[in-house]
Amino acid sequence: MTVVSATALRKDIYQYLDTAVRHNDVVTVTTKRGNAVVLSEEDYLGLLATAQIESTPGLAERILQAAQEPIEEGVAAGDMVW
């Protein structure tokens, strides 16, 4: 994790954005009123997906159970009826 002041961020914003995007590094920006976080869209979307899974009762457990099933017991994607 990178920690930077708001002043330093303003000076080299493109460098810090590149760090967040290319290296999936969280950039914490410190200010007098509190801190903010810059992270890649990929990381952000991953956090949203995790929050959705965790907020759906039983979903995390079902995913873990499905991961334990032998692959031979699965259904081929082409055989799925949507």
C-alpha atoms as a PDB file:
ATOM      1  CA  MET A   1       0.000   0.000   0.000  1.00  0.00           C
ATOM      2  CA  THR A   2       1.199   3.463  -0.892  1.00  0.00           C
ATOM      3  CA  VAL A   3       0.473   6.397   1.429  1.00  0.00           C
ATOM      4  CA  VAL A   4       0.659   9.914   0.018  1.00  0.00           C
ATOM      5  CA  SER A   5      -0.505  13.359   1.036  1.00  0.00           C
ATOM      6  CA  ALA A   6      -3.132  15.143  -1.035  1.00  0.00           C
ATOM      7  CA  THR A   7      -0.495  17.689  -2.041  1.00  0.00           C
ATOM      8  CA  ALA A   8       1.842  14.979  -3.343  1.00  0.00           C
ATOM      9  CA  LEU A   9      -1.051  13.308  -5.140  1.00  0.00           C
ATOM     10  CA  ARG A  10      -1.894  16.549  -6.964  1.00  0.00           C
ATOM     11  CA  LYS A  11       1.726  16.888  -8.032  1.00  0.00           C
ATOM     12  CA  ASP A  12       2.050  13.368  -9.513  1.00  0.00           C
ATOM     13  CA  ILE A  13      -1.527  12.161  -9.920  1.00  0.00           C
ATOM     14  CA  TYR A  14      -0.824  10.207 -13.113  1.00  0.00           C
ATOM     15  CA  GLN A  15       1.990   8.274 -11.409  1.00  0.00           C
ATOM     16  CA  TYR A  16      -0.266   7.307  -8.495  1.00  0.00           C
ATOM     17  CA  LEU A  17      -3.154   6.351 -10.775  1.00  0.00           C
ATOM     18  CA  ASP A  18      -0.780   4.204 -12.809  1.00  0.00           C
ATOM     19  CA  THR A  19       0.446   2.553  -9.613  1.00  0.00           C
ATOM     20  CA  ALA A  20      -3.130   1.724  -8.628  1.00  0.00           C
ATOM     21  CA  VAL A  21      -4.109   0.394 -12.052  1.00  0.00           C
ATOM     22  CA  ARG A  22      -0.978  -1.409 -13.246  1.00  0.00           C
ATOM     23  CA  HIS A  23       0.167  -2.831  -9.922  1.00  0.00           C
ATOM     24  CA  ASN A  24      -3.178  -3.180  -8.119  1.00  0.00           C
ATOM     25  CA  ASP A  25      -1.683  -1.071  -5.359  1.00  0.00           C
ATOM     26  CA  VAL A  26      -4.022   0.736  -2.988  1.00  0.00           C
ATOM     27  CA  VAL A  27      -3.056   4.389  -2.662  1.00  0.00           C
ATOM     28  CA  THR A  28      -4.112   5.992   0.617  1.00  0.00           C
ATOM     29  CA  VAL A  29      -4.383   9.768   0.343  1.00  0.00           C
ATOM     30  CA  THR A  30      -4.033  11.580   3.649  1.00  0.00           C
ATOM     31  CA  THR A  31      -5.798  14.869   4.269  1.00  0.00           C
ATOM     32  CA  LYS A  32      -6.484  17.058   7.286  1.00  0.00           C
ATOM     33  CA  ARG A  33     -10.103  15.896   7.406  1.00  0.00           C
ATOM     34  CA  GLY A  34      -9.404  12.184   6.974  1.00  0.00           C
ATOM     35  CA  ASN A  35      -8.087   9.761   4.422  1.00  0.00           C
ATOM     36  CA  ALA A  36      -9.293   8.618   1.016  1.00  0.00           C
ATOM     37  CA  VAL A  37      -8.355   5.560  -1.000  1.00  0.00           C
ATOM     38  CA  VAL A  38      -7.525   5.209  -4.702  1.00  0.00           C
ATOM     39  CA  LEU A  39      -7.757   1.711  -6.132  1.00  0.00           C
ATOM     40  CA  SER A  40      -8.081   0.147  -9.556  1.00  0.00           C
ATOM     41  CA  GLU A  41     -11.494  -0.439 -11.077  1.00  0.00           C
ATOM     42  CA  GLU A  42     -10.676  -4.160 -11.098  1.00  0.00           C
ATOM     43  CA  ASP A  43     -10.118  -4.137  -7.332  1.00  0.00           C
ATOM     44  CA  TYR A  44     -13.231  -2.028  -6.776  1.00  0.00           C
ATOM     45  CA  LEU A  45     -15.438  -4.377  -8.806  1.00  0.00           C
ATOM     46  CA  GLY A  46     -13.939  -7.336  -6.930  1.00  0.00           C
ATOM     47  CA  LEU A  47     -14.887  -5.736  -3.623  1.00  0.00           C
ATOM     48  CA  LEU A  48     -18.429  -5.122  -4.868  1.00  0.00           C
ATOM     49  CA  ALA A  49     -18.754  -8.743  -6.003  1.00  0.00           C
ATOM     50  CA  THR A  50     -17.468  -9.990  -2.653  1.00  0.00           C
ATOM     51  CA  ALA A  51     -19.926  -7.759  -0.794  1.00  0.00           C
ATOM     52  CA  GLN A  52     -22.780  -9.092  -2.943  1.00  0.00           C
ATOM     53  CA  ILE A  53     -21.786 -12.705  -2.280  1.00  0.00           C
ATOM     54  CA  GLU A  54     -21.456 -12.088   1.447  1.00  0.00           C
ATOM     55  CA  SER A  55     -24.814 -10.276   1.613  1.00  0.00           C
ATOM     56  CA  THR A  56     -26.711 -13.147  -0.021  1.00  0.00           C
ATOM     57  CA  PRO A  57     -27.538 -15.677   2.716  1.00  0.00           C
ATOM     58  CA  GLY A  58     -25.936 -19.058   2.079  1.00  0.00           C
ATOM     59  CA  LEU A  59     -24.297 -18.111  -1.219  1.00  0.00           C
ATOM     60  CA  ALA A  60     -20.702 -18.252   0.049  1.00  0.00           C
ATOM     61  CA  GLU A  61     -21.333 -21.689   1.550  1.00  0.00           C
ATOM     62  CA  ARG A  62     -22.889 -22.956  -1.708  1.00  0.00           C
ATOM     63  CA  ILE A  63     -19.890 -21.698  -3.677  1.00  0.00           C
ATOM     64  CA  LEU A  64     -17.483 -23.459  -1.298  1.00  0.00           C
ATOM     65  CA  GLN A  65     -19.509 -26.675  -1.493  1.00  0.00           C
ATOM     66  CA  ALA A  66     -19.572 -26.543  -5.299  1.00  0.00           C
ATOM     67  CA  ALA A  67     -15.791 -26.062  -5.353  1.00  0.00           C
ATOM     68  CA  GLN A  68     -15.413 -29.394  -3.533  1.00  0.00           C
ATOM     69  CA  GLU A  69     -17.423 -31.345  -6.126  1.00  0.00           C
ATOM     70  CA  PRO A  70     -15.407 -33.421  -8.603  1.00  0.00           C
ATOM     71  CA  ILE A  71     -15.247 -31.748 -12.006  1.00  0.00           C
ATOM     72  CA  GLU A  72     -16.746 -34.870 -13.614  1.00  0.00           C
ATOM     73  CA  GLU A  73     -20.002 -34.210 -11.744  1.00  0.00           C
ATOM     74  CA  GLY A  74     -20.361 -30.766 -13.275  1.00  0.00           C
ATOM     75  CA  VAL A  75     -22.404 -29.742 -16.305  1.00  0.00           C
ATOM     76  CA  ALA A  76     -20.693 -28.568 -19.478  1.00  0.00           C
ATOM     77  CA  ALA A  77     -21.344 -24.898 -20.244  1.00  0.00           C
ATOM     78  CA  GLY A  78     -22.850 -25.840 -23.619  1.00  0.00           C
ATOM     79  CA  ASP A  79     -25.367 -28.087 -21.878  1.00  0.00           C
ATOM     80  CA  MET A  80     -26.682 -25.332 -19.615  1.00  0.00           C
ATOM     81  CA  VAL A  81     -30.186 -24.067 -20.193  1.00  0.00           C
ATOM     82  CA  TRP A  82     -30.382 -20.382 -19.384  1.00  0.00           C
END
